[in-house]
Amino acid sequence: MDNTPLKVGDKAPEFELMNQDKTKIKLSDLLGKKVVLLFYPMDFSGVCTTELCAFSAGIATIQKDANTVVYGINADHPFSHDAFKKQHKLGYDLLSDPTRKTLKAYGMWAGEEPYNCSKRGEVVIGKDGKIAAWQEVPMKDPRTAEQVAKVAGA
């Protein structure tokens, strides 16, 4: 939990996080699927809203088959995720990491100042449970579904 970027081939750190419905999602339950984690700073912020809506519109570009699952993830609570997902009709689940343990384990915590939030980036976990891709992107630059699909190897 030292917030070091992960490397391709590393074993993906286990997590168990609640989604917007307060359902627990555990990484080890997803073994055999490609898992795309879309880290983003905050629900309802301008860049994040633009970006997550674009991902939802282009979800088929990122999630090519039934063996790929996509999750947005940040430090916001499930209640915020629920309102955010409903308001913007997002087509994928949002995972809540209010303790920031998973953000740190994946090297995606931006630090306490100024917002105590997640970095912007994506981590792809292969069907074997190992890191297939890890990328941090500038906080102010919204990603597109096409950019994420390229990283995800979709």
N, C-alpha and C. Protein backbone atom coordinates (compact mmCIF):
# COMPACT_ATOMS: atom_id res chain seq x y z
N MET A 1 0.83 -1.21 0.00
CA MET A 1 0.00 0.00 0.00
C MET A 1 0.86 1.26 0.00
N ASP A 2 1.84 1.29 -0.89
CA ASP A 2 2.76 2.42 -0.88
C ASP A 2 2.54 3.38 -2.04
N ASN A 3 1.48 3.17 -2.83
CA ASN A 3 1.12 4.07 -3.92
C ASN A 3 2.14 4.05 -5.07
N THR A 4 2.86 2.94 -5.23
CA THR A 4 3.82 2.79 -6.31
C THR A 4 3.10 2.28 -7.56
N PRO A 5 3.39 2.85 -8.73
CA PRO A 5 2.77 2.34 -9.95
C PRO A 5 3.04 0.84 -10.11
N LEU A 6 2.03 0.12 -10.57
CA LEU A 6 2.19 -1.31 -10.82
C LEU A 6 2.83 -1.52 -12.18
N LYS A 7 3.44 -2.68 -12.34
CA LYS A 7 4.09 -3.02 -13.60
C LYS A 7 3.35 -4.17 -14.27
N VAL A 8 3.39 -4.18 -15.59
CA VAL A 8 2.80 -5.28 -16.35
C VAL A 8 3.42 -6.58 -15.86
N GLY A 9 2.57 -7.55 -15.58
CA GLY A 9 3.03 -8.85 -15.09
C GLY A 9 2.91 -9.00 -13.58
N ASP A 10 2.79 -7.88 -12.84
CA ASP A 10 2.58 -7.96 -11.39
C ASP A 10 1.24 -8.64 -11.11
N LYS A 11 1.16 -9.35 -10.00
CA LYS A 11 -0.13 -9.89 -9.55
C LYS A 11 -0.98 -8.71 -9.09
N ALA A 12 -2.21 -8.65 -9.55
CA ALA A 12 -3.11 -7.55 -9.18
C ALA A 12 -3.47 -7.66 -7.70
N PRO A 13 -3.33 -6.57 -6.94
CA PRO A 13 -3.70 -6.61 -5.53
C PRO A 13 -5.19 -6.92 -5.36
N GLU A 14 -5.50 -7.80 -4.43
CA GLU A 14 -6.89 -8.16 -4.13
C GLU A 14 -7.62 -6.92 -3.61
N PHE A 15 -8.89 -6.83 -3.91
CA PHE A 15 -9.74 -5.80 -3.32
C PHE A 15 -11.14 -6.34 -3.14
N GLU A 16 -11.85 -5.76 -2.21
CA GLU A 16 -13.27 -6.01 -2.03
C GLU A 16 -13.89 -4.65 -1.73
N LEU A 17 -14.62 -4.13 -2.71
CA LEU A 17 -15.18 -2.79 -2.61
C LEU A 17 -16.68 -2.83 -2.90
N MET A 18 -17.40 -1.87 -2.35
CA MET A 18 -18.83 -1.76 -2.64
C MET A 18 -19.05 -0.96 -3.91
N ASN A 19 -20.06 -1.38 -4.67
CA ASN A 19 -20.46 -0.59 -5.83
C ASN A 19 -21.55 0.39 -5.39
N GLN A 20 -22.15 1.07 -6.34
CA GLN A 20 -23.16 2.09 -6.05
C GLN A 20 -24.40 1.52 -5.37
N ASP A 21 -24.62 0.22 -5.48
CA ASP A 21 -25.78 -0.43 -4.85
C ASP A 21 -25.42 -1.04 -3.50
N LYS A 22 -24.20 -0.81 -3.05
CA LYS A 22 -23.65 -1.36 -1.81
C LYS A 22 -23.46 -2.88 -1.90
N THR A 23 -23.32 -3.39 -3.13
CA THR A 23 -22.98 -4.79 -3.37
C THR A 23 -21.47 -4.90 -3.38
N LYS A 24 -20.92 -5.88 -2.64
CA LYS A 24 -19.47 -6.04 -2.59
C LYS A 24 -18.97 -6.73 -3.86
N ILE A 25 -17.94 -6.14 -4.44
CA ILE A 25 -17.27 -6.68 -5.62
C ILE A 25 -15.86 -7.07 -5.19
N LYS A 26 -15.52 -8.34 -5.39
CA LYS A 26 -14.22 -8.86 -4.97
C LYS A 26 -13.43 -9.28 -6.20
N LEU A 27 -12.19 -8.81 -6.31
CA LEU A 27 -11.38 -9.11 -7.48
C LEU A 27 -11.24 -10.61 -7.71
N SER A 28 -11.00 -11.38 -6.65
CA SER A 28 -10.78 -12.82 -6.83
C SER A 28 -12.01 -13.53 -7.42
N ASP A 29 -13.19 -12.94 -7.26
CA ASP A 29 -14.40 -13.50 -7.87
C ASP A 29 -14.45 -13.26 -9.39
N LEU A 30 -13.56 -12.41 -9.88
CA LEU A 30 -13.55 -12.04 -11.30
C LEU A 30 -12.45 -12.75 -12.08
N LEU A 31 -11.72 -13.67 -11.44
CA LEU A 31 -10.66 -14.40 -12.11
C LEU A 31 -11.23 -15.09 -13.35
N GLY A 32 -10.53 -15.01 -14.46
CA GLY A 32 -11.02 -15.57 -15.72
C GLY A 32 -11.66 -14.51 -16.61
N LYS A 33 -11.82 -13.29 -16.07
CA LYS A 33 -12.33 -12.17 -16.85
C LYS A 33 -11.25 -11.10 -16.94
N LYS A 34 -11.31 -10.32 -18.01
CA LYS A 34 -10.47 -9.13 -18.10
C LYS A 34 -11.19 -8.04 -17.31
N VAL A 35 -10.48 -7.38 -16.41
CA VAL A 35 -11.06 -6.33 -15.56
C VAL A 35 -10.41 -5.00 -15.93
N VAL A 36 -11.24 -4.04 -16.32
CA VAL A 36 -10.76 -2.70 -16.66
C VAL A 36 -11.21 -1.76 -15.54
N LEU A 37 -10.23 -1.22 -14.81
CA LEU A 37 -10.51 -0.28 -13.73
C LEU A 37 -10.22 1.14 -14.22
N LEU A 38 -11.26 1.96 -14.21
CA LEU A 38 -11.13 3.35 -14.67
C LEU A 38 -11.06 4.25 -13.43
N PHE A 39 -9.87 4.62 -13.04
CA PHE A 39 -9.68 5.49 -11.87
C PHE A 39 -9.97 6.93 -12.27
N TYR A 40 -10.72 7.63 -11.43
CA TYR A 40 -11.04 9.03 -11.70
C TYR A 40 -11.18 9.76 -10.37
N PRO A 41 -10.89 11.07 -10.34
CA PRO A 41 -10.85 11.80 -9.07
C PRO A 41 -12.17 11.90 -8.32
N MET A 42 -13.23 12.44 -8.93
CA MET A 42 -14.43 12.74 -8.16
C MET A 42 -15.71 12.66 -8.97
N ASP A 43 -16.76 12.12 -8.34
CA ASP A 43 -18.09 12.19 -8.93
C ASP A 43 -18.50 13.65 -9.06
N PHE A 44 -19.25 13.96 -10.08
CA PHE A 44 -19.86 15.28 -10.30
C PHE A 44 -18.90 16.40 -10.63
N SER A 45 -17.59 16.13 -10.76
CA SER A 45 -16.68 17.18 -11.19
C SER A 45 -16.75 17.27 -12.72
N GLY A 46 -16.39 18.41 -13.26
CA GLY A 46 -16.56 18.66 -14.69
C GLY A 46 -15.88 17.66 -15.60
N VAL A 47 -14.57 17.49 -15.45
CA VAL A 47 -13.81 16.61 -16.33
C VAL A 47 -14.27 15.16 -16.14
N CYS A 48 -14.47 14.76 -14.88
CA CYS A 48 -14.87 13.37 -14.62
C CYS A 48 -16.25 13.06 -15.20
N THR A 49 -17.17 14.00 -15.09
CA THR A 49 -18.51 13.79 -15.64
C THR A 49 -18.44 13.63 -17.15
N THR A 50 -17.71 14.52 -17.82
CA THR A 50 -17.53 14.44 -19.27
C THR A 50 -16.94 13.08 -19.65
N GLU A 51 -15.91 12.70 -18.95
CA GLU A 51 -15.18 11.48 -19.25
C GLU A 51 -16.04 10.23 -18.99
N LEU A 52 -16.66 10.12 -17.84
CA LEU A 52 -17.43 8.92 -17.52
C LEU A 52 -18.66 8.78 -18.40
N CYS A 53 -19.26 9.88 -18.80
CA CYS A 53 -20.38 9.82 -19.76
C CYS A 53 -19.88 9.34 -21.12
N ALA A 54 -18.70 9.78 -21.53
CA ALA A 54 -18.12 9.31 -22.80
C ALA A 54 -17.82 7.81 -22.74
N PHE A 55 -17.33 7.34 -21.59
CA PHE A 55 -17.07 5.90 -21.43
C PHE A 55 -18.38 5.12 -21.55
N SER A 56 -19.43 5.65 -20.94
CA SER A 56 -20.72 4.96 -20.98
C SER A 56 -21.24 4.89 -22.42
N ALA A 57 -21.14 6.00 -23.15
CA ALA A 57 -21.60 6.03 -24.54
C ALA A 57 -20.78 5.07 -25.40
N GLY A 58 -19.51 4.91 -25.07
CA GLY A 58 -18.63 4.05 -25.85
C GLY A 58 -18.28 2.74 -25.17
N ILE A 59 -19.13 2.30 -24.25
CA ILE A 59 -18.81 1.09 -23.46
C ILE A 59 -18.53 -0.12 -24.35
N ALA A 60 -19.23 -0.25 -25.47
CA ALA A 60 -19.00 -1.40 -26.36
C ALA A 60 -17.60 -1.37 -26.96
N THR A 61 -16.99 -0.19 -27.04
CA THR A 61 -15.62 -0.07 -27.55
C THR A 61 -14.63 -0.62 -26.53
N ILE A 62 -14.93 -0.41 -25.24
CA ILE A 62 -14.05 -0.85 -24.15
C ILE A 62 -14.33 -2.30 -23.78
N GLN A 63 -15.60 -2.63 -23.68
CA GLN A 63 -16.05 -3.95 -23.21
C GLN A 63 -16.47 -4.77 -24.43
N LYS A 64 -15.48 -5.39 -25.08
CA LYS A 64 -15.72 -6.06 -26.35
C LYS A 64 -16.53 -7.35 -26.23
N ASP A 65 -16.49 -8.01 -25.06
CA ASP A 65 -17.20 -9.28 -24.92
C ASP A 65 -17.62 -9.50 -23.47
N ALA A 66 -18.32 -10.59 -23.23
CA ALA A 66 -18.85 -10.90 -21.90
C ALA A 66 -17.75 -11.26 -20.91
N ASN A 67 -16.53 -11.50 -21.40
CA ASN A 67 -15.42 -11.83 -20.52
C ASN A 67 -14.62 -10.60 -20.09
N THR A 68 -15.17 -9.40 -20.35
CA THR A 68 -14.54 -8.15 -19.92
C THR A 68 -15.52 -7.40 -19.04
N VAL A 69 -15.04 -6.95 -17.88
CA VAL A 69 -15.86 -6.12 -16.99
C VAL A 69 -15.17 -4.78 -16.79
N VAL A 70 -15.98 -3.74 -16.69
CA VAL A 70 -15.48 -2.37 -16.56
C VAL A 70 -16.04 -1.76 -15.28
N TYR A 71 -15.18 -1.12 -14.52
CA TYR A 71 -15.59 -0.42 -13.31
C TYR A 71 -14.93 0.95 -13.24
N GLY A 72 -15.71 1.96 -12.88
CA GLY A 72 -15.14 3.23 -12.47
C GLY A 72 -14.77 3.07 -11.01
N ILE A 73 -13.73 3.74 -10.54
CA ILE A 73 -13.31 3.60 -9.14
C ILE A 73 -12.70 4.90 -8.64
N ASN A 74 -13.13 5.29 -7.45
CA ASN A 74 -12.51 6.42 -6.76
C ASN A 74 -12.82 6.33 -5.27
N ALA A 75 -12.54 7.39 -4.52
CA ALA A 75 -12.70 7.38 -3.07
C ALA A 75 -14.09 7.83 -2.60
N ASP A 76 -14.97 8.20 -3.53
CA ASP A 76 -16.31 8.64 -3.13
C ASP A 76 -17.12 7.48 -2.57
N HIS A 77 -18.12 7.81 -1.78
CA HIS A 77 -18.96 6.80 -1.11
C HIS A 77 -20.00 6.23 -2.06
N PRO A 78 -20.53 5.04 -1.76
CA PRO A 78 -21.55 4.42 -2.61
C PRO A 78 -22.77 5.32 -2.85
N PHE A 79 -23.13 6.14 -1.88
CA PHE A 79 -24.29 7.02 -2.02
C PHE A 79 -24.05 8.05 -3.13
N SER A 80 -22.84 8.60 -3.17
CA SER A 80 -22.47 9.54 -4.22
C SER A 80 -22.45 8.83 -5.57
N HIS A 81 -21.85 7.63 -5.60
CA HIS A 81 -21.81 6.85 -6.84
C HIS A 81 -23.21 6.55 -7.36
N ASP A 82 -24.11 6.20 -6.45
CA ASP A 82 -25.48 5.87 -6.84
C ASP A 82 -26.15 7.07 -7.52
N ALA A 83 -26.04 8.24 -6.90
CA ALA A 83 -26.64 9.45 -7.48
C ALA A 83 -25.98 9.81 -8.81
N PHE A 84 -24.66 9.70 -8.85
CA PHE A 84 -23.91 10.03 -10.06
C PHE A 84 -24.28 9.09 -11.22
N LYS A 85 -24.31 7.79 -10.94
CA LYS A 85 -24.64 6.81 -11.98
C LYS A 85 -26.06 7.02 -12.50
N LYS A 86 -27.00 7.24 -11.59
CA LYS A 86 -28.40 7.44 -12.00
C LYS A 86 -28.57 8.73 -12.80
N GLN A 87 -27.98 9.82 -12.31
CA GLN A 87 -28.14 11.11 -12.99
C GLN A 87 -27.60 11.06 -14.42
N HIS A 88 -26.49 10.36 -14.61
CA HIS A 88 -25.83 10.35 -15.92
C HIS A 88 -26.06 9.05 -16.69
N LYS A 89 -26.89 8.17 -16.14
CA LYS A 89 -27.26 6.91 -16.80
C LYS A 89 -26.03 6.14 -17.28
N LEU A 90 -25.07 5.96 -16.38
CA LEU A 90 -23.83 5.27 -16.73
C LEU A 90 -24.09 3.77 -16.90
N GLY A 91 -23.46 3.17 -17.87
CA GLY A 91 -23.68 1.77 -18.20
C GLY A 91 -22.69 0.81 -17.59
N TYR A 92 -22.08 1.16 -16.48
CA TYR A 92 -21.13 0.29 -15.79
C TYR A 92 -21.14 0.69 -14.31
N ASP A 93 -20.67 -0.21 -13.45
CA ASP A 93 -20.68 0.03 -12.01
C ASP A 93 -19.53 0.93 -11.58
N LEU A 94 -19.74 1.60 -10.45
CA LEU A 94 -18.73 2.46 -9.83
C LEU A 94 -18.37 1.88 -8.48
N LEU A 95 -17.08 1.68 -8.25
CA LEU A 95 -16.60 1.11 -7.00
C LEU A 95 -16.13 2.20 -6.05
N SER A 96 -16.43 2.01 -4.78
CA SER A 96 -16.15 2.99 -3.74
C SER A 96 -14.97 2.54 -2.87
N ASP A 97 -13.96 3.39 -2.75
CA ASP A 97 -12.79 3.10 -1.91
C ASP A 97 -12.55 4.26 -0.95
N PRO A 98 -13.46 4.47 0.02
CA PRO A 98 -13.30 5.61 0.93
C PRO A 98 -12.07 5.51 1.84
N THR A 99 -11.54 4.30 2.04
CA THR A 99 -10.33 4.15 2.86
C THR A 99 -9.06 4.46 2.07
N ARG A 100 -9.19 4.50 0.74
CA ARG A 100 -8.09 4.74 -0.20
C ARG A 100 -7.07 3.60 -0.24
N LYS A 101 -7.35 2.47 0.41
CA LYS A 101 -6.40 1.35 0.43
C LYS A 101 -6.18 0.78 -0.97
N THR A 102 -7.26 0.62 -1.72
CA THR A 102 -7.12 0.07 -3.08
C THR A 102 -6.45 1.09 -4.00
N LEU A 103 -6.83 2.37 -3.86
CA LEU A 103 -6.17 3.41 -4.67
C LEU A 103 -4.66 3.35 -4.46
N LYS A 104 -4.23 3.23 -3.20
CA LYS A 104 -2.80 3.19 -2.89
C LYS A 104 -2.15 1.90 -3.39
N ALA A 105 -2.86 0.77 -3.23
CA ALA A 105 -2.31 -0.52 -3.68
C ALA A 105 -2.08 -0.54 -5.19
N TYR A 106 -2.91 0.22 -5.91
CA TYR A 106 -2.79 0.27 -7.37
C TYR A 106 -1.98 1.47 -7.86
N GLY A 107 -1.39 2.23 -6.94
CA GLY A 107 -0.58 3.39 -7.33
C GLY A 107 -1.40 4.51 -7.92
N MET A 108 -2.66 4.63 -7.50
CA MET A 108 -3.58 5.61 -8.09
C MET A 108 -4.14 6.62 -7.08
N TRP A 109 -3.45 6.84 -5.97
CA TRP A 109 -3.90 7.83 -5.01
C TRP A 109 -3.15 9.13 -5.29
N ALA A 110 -3.88 10.23 -5.43
CA ALA A 110 -3.27 11.52 -5.77
C ALA A 110 -2.70 12.26 -4.56
N GLY A 111 -2.95 11.76 -3.36
CA GLY A 111 -2.45 12.41 -2.15
C GLY A 111 -3.54 13.20 -1.45
N GLU A 112 -3.25 13.61 -0.23
CA GLU A 112 -4.24 14.32 0.58
C GLU A 112 -4.53 15.72 0.06
N GLU A 113 -3.52 16.38 -0.49
CA GLU A 113 -3.71 17.74 -0.96
C GLU A 113 -3.76 17.78 -2.48
N PRO A 114 -4.62 18.51 -3.10
CA PRO A 114 -5.59 19.37 -2.44
C PRO A 114 -6.94 18.69 -2.17
N TYR A 115 -7.20 17.50 -2.78
CA TYR A 115 -8.56 16.96 -2.70
C TYR A 115 -8.69 15.59 -2.06
N ASN A 116 -7.57 14.93 -1.71
CA ASN A 116 -7.63 13.60 -1.08
C ASN A 116 -8.41 12.63 -1.98
N CYS A 117 -8.00 12.55 -3.24
CA CYS A 117 -8.78 11.79 -4.23
C CYS A 117 -7.88 10.86 -5.05
N SER A 118 -8.51 10.17 -5.98
CA SER A 118 -7.83 9.28 -6.91
C SER A 118 -7.13 10.08 -8.00
N LYS A 119 -6.09 9.46 -8.55
CA LYS A 119 -5.50 9.96 -9.79
C LYS A 119 -6.45 9.59 -10.93
N ARG A 120 -6.15 10.06 -12.12
CA ARG A 120 -6.89 9.67 -13.32
C ARG A 120 -6.01 8.66 -14.06
N GLY A 121 -6.57 7.51 -14.36
CA GLY A 121 -5.80 6.51 -15.06
C GLY A 121 -6.58 5.23 -15.21
N GLU A 122 -5.96 4.24 -15.84
CA GLU A 122 -6.63 2.96 -15.98
C GLU A 122 -5.65 1.83 -15.71
N VAL A 123 -6.23 0.77 -15.15
CA VAL A 123 -5.48 -0.45 -14.89
C VAL A 123 -6.29 -1.58 -15.51
N VAL A 124 -5.61 -2.39 -16.30
CA VAL A 124 -6.25 -3.56 -16.92
C VAL A 124 -5.64 -4.79 -16.26
N ILE A 125 -6.53 -5.65 -15.76
CA ILE A 125 -6.12 -6.90 -15.13
C ILE A 125 -6.52 -8.03 -16.08
N GLY A 126 -5.54 -8.81 -16.47
CA GLY A 126 -5.81 -9.92 -17.39
C GLY A 126 -6.60 -11.03 -16.73
N LYS A 127 -7.05 -11.96 -17.56
CA LYS A 127 -7.85 -13.09 -17.07
C LYS A 127 -7.08 -13.94 -16.07
N ASP A 128 -5.74 -13.83 -16.09
CA ASP A 128 -4.88 -14.58 -15.17
C ASP A 128 -4.66 -13.87 -13.84
N GLY A 129 -5.29 -12.69 -13.66
CA GLY A 129 -5.15 -11.95 -12.40
C GLY A 129 -3.90 -11.10 -12.33
N LYS A 130 -3.21 -10.93 -13.45
CA LYS A 130 -1.99 -10.11 -13.48
C LYS A 130 -2.24 -8.81 -14.23
N ILE A 131 -1.45 -7.80 -13.90
CA ILE A 131 -1.58 -6.49 -14.54
C ILE A 131 -1.20 -6.62 -16.01
N ALA A 132 -2.13 -6.24 -16.88
CA ALA A 132 -1.89 -6.27 -18.32
C ALA A 132 -1.55 -4.87 -18.85
N ALA A 133 -2.02 -3.84 -18.13
CA ALA A 133 -1.72 -2.46 -18.51
C ALA A 133 -1.93 -1.57 -17.29
N TRP A 134 -1.09 -0.55 -17.14
CA TRP A 134 -1.21 0.44 -16.07
C TRP A 134 -0.85 1.78 -16.69
N GLN A 135 -1.75 2.75 -16.56
CA GLN A 135 -1.47 4.06 -17.14
C GLN A 135 -2.09 5.16 -16.29
N GLU A 136 -1.29 6.14 -15.96
CA GLU A 136 -1.79 7.36 -15.32
C GLU A 136 -1.83 8.45 -16.39
N VAL A 137 -2.88 9.26 -16.36
CA VAL A 137 -3.00 10.36 -17.31
C VAL A 137 -3.18 11.66 -16.54
N PRO A 138 -2.91 12.82 -17.19
CA PRO A 138 -3.05 14.10 -16.49
C PRO A 138 -4.46 14.31 -15.93
N MET A 139 -4.53 14.85 -14.73
CA MET A 139 -5.81 15.06 -14.04
C MET A 139 -6.78 15.93 -14.82
N LYS A 140 -6.27 16.88 -15.59
CA LYS A 140 -7.15 17.85 -16.26
C LYS A 140 -7.62 17.39 -17.64
N ASP A 141 -7.12 16.24 -18.10
CA ASP A 141 -7.43 15.78 -19.46
C ASP A 141 -8.42 14.63 -19.46
N PRO A 142 -9.66 14.86 -19.93
CA PRO A 142 -10.61 13.75 -20.01
C PRO A 142 -10.18 12.74 -21.07
N ARG A 143 -10.32 11.47 -20.73
CA ARG A 143 -10.02 10.40 -21.68
C ARG A 143 -11.26 10.11 -22.53
N THR A 144 -11.03 9.43 -23.65
CA THR A 144 -12.14 8.98 -24.50
C THR A 144 -12.25 7.45 -24.39
N ALA A 145 -13.38 6.94 -24.78
CA ALA A 145 -13.57 5.48 -24.78
C ALA A 145 -12.54 4.82 -25.70
N GLU A 146 -12.23 5.48 -26.81
CA GLU A 146 -11.26 4.93 -27.76
C GLU A 146 -9.88 4.83 -27.15
N GLN A 147 -9.47 5.85 -26.37
CA GLN A 147 -8.17 5.82 -25.71
C GLN A 147 -8.10 4.68 -24.71
N VAL A 148 -9.15 4.52 -23.92
CA VAL A 148 -9.18 3.45 -22.92
C VAL A 148 -9.20 2.09 -23.60
N ALA A 149 -9.97 1.96 -24.68
CA ALA A 149 -10.04 0.68 -25.41
C ALA A 149 -8.66 0.28 -25.93
N LYS A 150 -7.89 1.26 -26.37
CA LYS A 150 -6.54 0.98 -26.87
C LYS A 150 -5.66 0.43 -25.74
N VAL A 151 -5.72 1.06 -24.57
CA VAL A 151 -4.96 0.58 -23.42
C VAL A 151 -5.43 -0.80 -22.98
N ALA A 152 -6.77 -1.00 -23.03
CA ALA A 152 -7.36 -2.27 -22.59
C ALA A 152 -7.13 -3.39 -23.59
N GLY A 153 -6.62 -3.05 -24.78
CA GLY A 153 -6.38 -4.06 -25.78
C GLY A 153 -7.67 -4.59 -26.38
N ALA A 154 -8.71 -3.76 -26.34
CA ALA A 154 -10.01 -4.19 -26.88
C ALA A 154 -10.04 -4.07 -28.39
